[in-house]
Amino acid sequence: MRAHNQFMKDKLSKLDFSKVTPTPDVPAEKIIAEITKPYRGKVVMIDLWNTWCGPCRAALAQNEPAKSADLSSDDIVWIYIADESSSTPLYLDMINDIRGIHYHVTADQIARIRKQFDVDGIPFYILVDKQGRAQGRPDLRDHDKFKRTILSELAK
């Protein structure tokens, strides 16, 4: 068992975490407010997802091209939050193709975020308006509504 633990530790130490933004050292219920604070005046779309989630992967594939088309704007900030239930090597590989800011949170942190925003499953979206007000938006799983809502918030 000790040999296996050392093997895993060595393997993880060789992974490139440079594209993962460190999670702020604040109570879990303040993480969303803290990570969005620098983006006041912009629309922030937070996507809660995991590598093992088929619907999440499908939504990412559908939403990613819109960032270069309809949703191309310096006034939209894309934040992606996955938790430690995702395979770390797969997560690090996948985020190479997802433009945005990436956070990898602990089980406790995601549990508190889920409770705070009444998360009913993933993918789950948290929309933060230009004034910094965050609202859980499971209805944005509808891709057309996702785009319309972001564009509407952007126009405000």
Protein backbone atom coordinates (compact mmCIF):
# COMPACT_ATOMS: atom_id res chain seq x y z
CA MET A 1 0.00 0.00 0.00
CA ARG A 2 2.81 2.38 0.85
CA ALA A 3 4.47 1.75 -2.49
CA HIS A 4 1.20 2.47 -4.29
CA ASN A 5 0.70 5.73 -2.37
CA GLN A 6 4.23 6.84 -3.23
CA PHE A 7 3.66 5.88 -6.89
CA MET A 8 0.48 8.00 -7.02
CA LYS A 9 2.20 10.91 -5.25
CA ASP A 10 5.07 10.78 -7.76
CA LYS A 11 2.65 10.55 -10.68
CA LEU A 12 0.59 13.53 -9.48
CA SER A 13 3.71 15.61 -8.83
CA LYS A 14 4.57 15.34 -12.56
CA LEU A 15 1.22 16.70 -13.71
CA ASP A 16 1.02 20.27 -15.00
CA PHE A 17 -1.37 22.32 -12.86
CA SER A 18 -0.32 25.64 -14.42
CA LYS A 19 -3.75 26.16 -16.05
CA VAL A 20 -5.60 25.63 -12.77
CA THR A 21 -6.20 28.76 -10.72
CA PRO A 22 -5.64 28.24 -7.00
CA THR A 23 -8.90 28.24 -5.04
CA PRO A 24 -9.08 31.25 -2.70
CA ASP A 25 -8.36 30.49 0.93
CA VAL A 26 -11.79 31.54 2.19
CA PRO A 27 -14.70 29.63 3.71
CA ALA A 28 -16.32 27.48 1.00
CA GLU A 29 -19.53 29.52 1.01
CA LYS A 30 -17.49 32.60 0.02
CA ILE A 31 -15.55 31.00 -2.87
CA ILE A 32 -17.93 32.17 -5.61
CA ALA A 33 -17.98 35.75 -4.31
CA GLU A 34 -14.20 35.77 -3.98
CA ILE A 35 -13.41 34.37 -7.42
CA THR A 36 -15.85 36.72 -9.14
CA LYS A 37 -14.92 39.89 -7.21
CA PRO A 38 -12.25 41.00 -9.74
CA TYR A 39 -14.80 40.85 -12.57
CA ARG A 40 -17.40 43.37 -11.35
CA GLY A 41 -18.80 45.17 -14.36
CA LYS A 42 -18.61 42.02 -16.46
CA VAL A 43 -20.95 39.08 -16.91
CA VAL A 44 -19.51 35.94 -15.31
CA MET A 45 -20.67 32.48 -16.31
CA ILE A 46 -19.66 29.75 -13.89
CA ASP A 47 -19.97 26.18 -15.11
CA LEU A 48 -19.99 23.40 -12.51
CA TRP A 49 -18.92 20.22 -14.28
CA ASN A 50 -16.83 17.04 -13.97
CA THR A 51 -14.89 14.91 -16.42
CA TRP A 52 -17.07 11.84 -15.83
CA CYS A 53 -20.32 13.72 -16.60
CA GLY A 54 -21.53 12.96 -20.12
CA PRO A 55 -24.05 15.84 -20.22
CA CYS A 56 -21.29 18.20 -18.99
CA ARG A 57 -18.96 17.14 -21.77
CA ALA A 58 -21.73 17.53 -24.35
CA ALA A 59 -22.55 21.03 -23.05
CA LEU A 60 -18.88 22.03 -23.12
CA ALA A 61 -18.60 20.86 -26.73
CA GLN A 62 -21.71 22.87 -27.61
CA ASN A 63 -20.84 26.02 -25.65
CA GLU A 64 -17.14 26.30 -26.51
CA PRO A 65 -17.61 27.37 -30.17
CA ALA A 66 -20.05 30.11 -29.11
CA LYS A 67 -17.19 31.85 -27.30
CA SER A 68 -15.65 32.60 -30.70
CA ALA A 69 -18.99 33.51 -32.27
CA ASP A 70 -22.17 34.85 -30.64
CA LEU A 71 -20.63 35.03 -27.17
CA SER A 72 -17.30 36.53 -28.14
CA SER A 73 -16.80 39.46 -25.76
CA ASP A 74 -14.17 40.74 -23.39
CA ASP A 75 -17.06 41.54 -21.05
CA ILE A 76 -17.88 37.86 -20.47
CA VAL A 77 -15.75 35.86 -18.04
CA TRP A 78 -15.87 32.07 -18.24
CA ILE A 79 -15.16 30.17 -15.02
CA TYR A 80 -15.15 26.39 -14.78
CA ILE A 81 -15.31 24.52 -11.49
CA ALA A 82 -14.74 20.77 -11.25
CA ASP A 83 -14.18 18.80 -8.08
CA GLU A 84 -11.80 16.10 -7.00
CA SER A 85 -14.17 13.36 -8.18
CA SER A 86 -12.80 14.07 -11.66
CA SER A 87 -9.77 12.09 -12.74
CA THR A 88 -6.93 14.57 -12.29
CA PRO A 89 -4.95 13.55 -15.42
CA LEU A 90 -8.10 13.63 -17.56
CA TYR A 91 -9.18 16.94 -16.03
CA LEU A 92 -5.81 18.54 -16.76
CA ASP A 93 -5.94 17.23 -20.31
CA MET A 94 -9.52 18.39 -20.94
CA ILE A 95 -9.05 21.95 -19.70
CA ASN A 96 -6.53 22.53 -22.48
CA ASP A 97 -9.52 22.73 -24.84
CA ILE A 98 -11.80 24.81 -22.59
CA ARG A 99 -11.07 28.54 -22.73
CA GLY A 100 -11.62 30.17 -19.37
CA ILE A 101 -10.51 30.20 -15.76
CA HIS A 102 -10.34 26.80 -14.12
CA TYR A 103 -10.75 25.79 -10.48
CA HIS A 104 -10.42 22.29 -9.06
CA VAL A 105 -12.13 22.23 -5.65
CA THR A 106 -12.36 19.74 -2.82
CA ALA A 107 -15.37 17.60 -1.99
CA ASP A 108 -16.21 19.84 0.97
CA GLN A 109 -15.96 23.00 -1.11
CA ILE A 110 -18.21 21.69 -3.88
CA ALA A 111 -20.71 20.38 -1.31
CA ARG A 112 -21.00 23.87 0.18
CA ILE A 113 -21.29 25.50 -3.25
CA ARG A 114 -24.00 22.99 -4.17
CA LYS A 115 -25.91 23.81 -1.00
CA GLN A 116 -25.47 27.56 -1.43
CA PHE A 117 -26.90 27.52 -4.98
CA ASP A 118 -29.31 24.59 -4.60
CA VAL A 119 -27.49 22.61 -7.28
CA ASP A 120 -29.72 19.84 -8.62
CA GLY A 121 -27.11 18.13 -10.82
CA ILE A 122 -24.45 18.96 -13.36
CA PRO A 123 -23.84 20.69 -15.59
CA PHE A 124 -25.05 23.56 -13.48
CA TYR A 125 -24.58 27.22 -14.23
CA ILE A 126 -24.16 30.18 -11.92
CA LEU A 127 -24.68 33.50 -13.63
CA VAL A 128 -23.07 36.52 -12.01
CA ASP A 129 -24.37 39.85 -13.24
CA LYS A 130 -22.34 43.04 -13.67
CA GLN A 131 -23.13 44.08 -10.08
CA GLY A 132 -21.67 40.83 -8.75
CA ARG A 133 -24.97 39.13 -7.88
CA ALA A 134 -24.71 35.37 -8.33
CA GLN A 135 -27.72 33.21 -9.15
CA GLY A 136 -27.95 29.47 -9.78
CA ARG A 137 -29.42 28.89 -13.24
CA PRO A 138 -30.21 25.23 -14.00
CA ASP A 139 -32.52 26.51 -16.77
CA LEU A 140 -29.43 27.47 -18.76
CA ARG A 141 -28.89 23.81 -19.61
CA ASP A 142 -31.00 24.78 -22.63
CA HIS A 143 -28.29 25.97 -25.04
CA ASP A 144 -30.44 28.58 -26.79
CA LYS A 145 -31.56 30.03 -23.45
CA PHE A 146 -27.92 29.93 -22.28
CA LYS A 147 -26.87 32.17 -25.18
CA ARG A 148 -29.91 34.48 -25.02
CA THR A 149 -29.51 35.01 -21.27
CA ILE A 150 -25.81 35.85 -21.47
CA LEU A 151 -26.41 38.27 -24.35
CA SER A 152 -29.30 39.86 -22.44
CA GLU A 153 -27.13 40.33 -19.32
CA LEU A 154 -24.34 41.73 -21.46
CA ALA A 155 -26.69 44.35 -22.94
CA LYS A 156 -27.73 45.65 -19.49
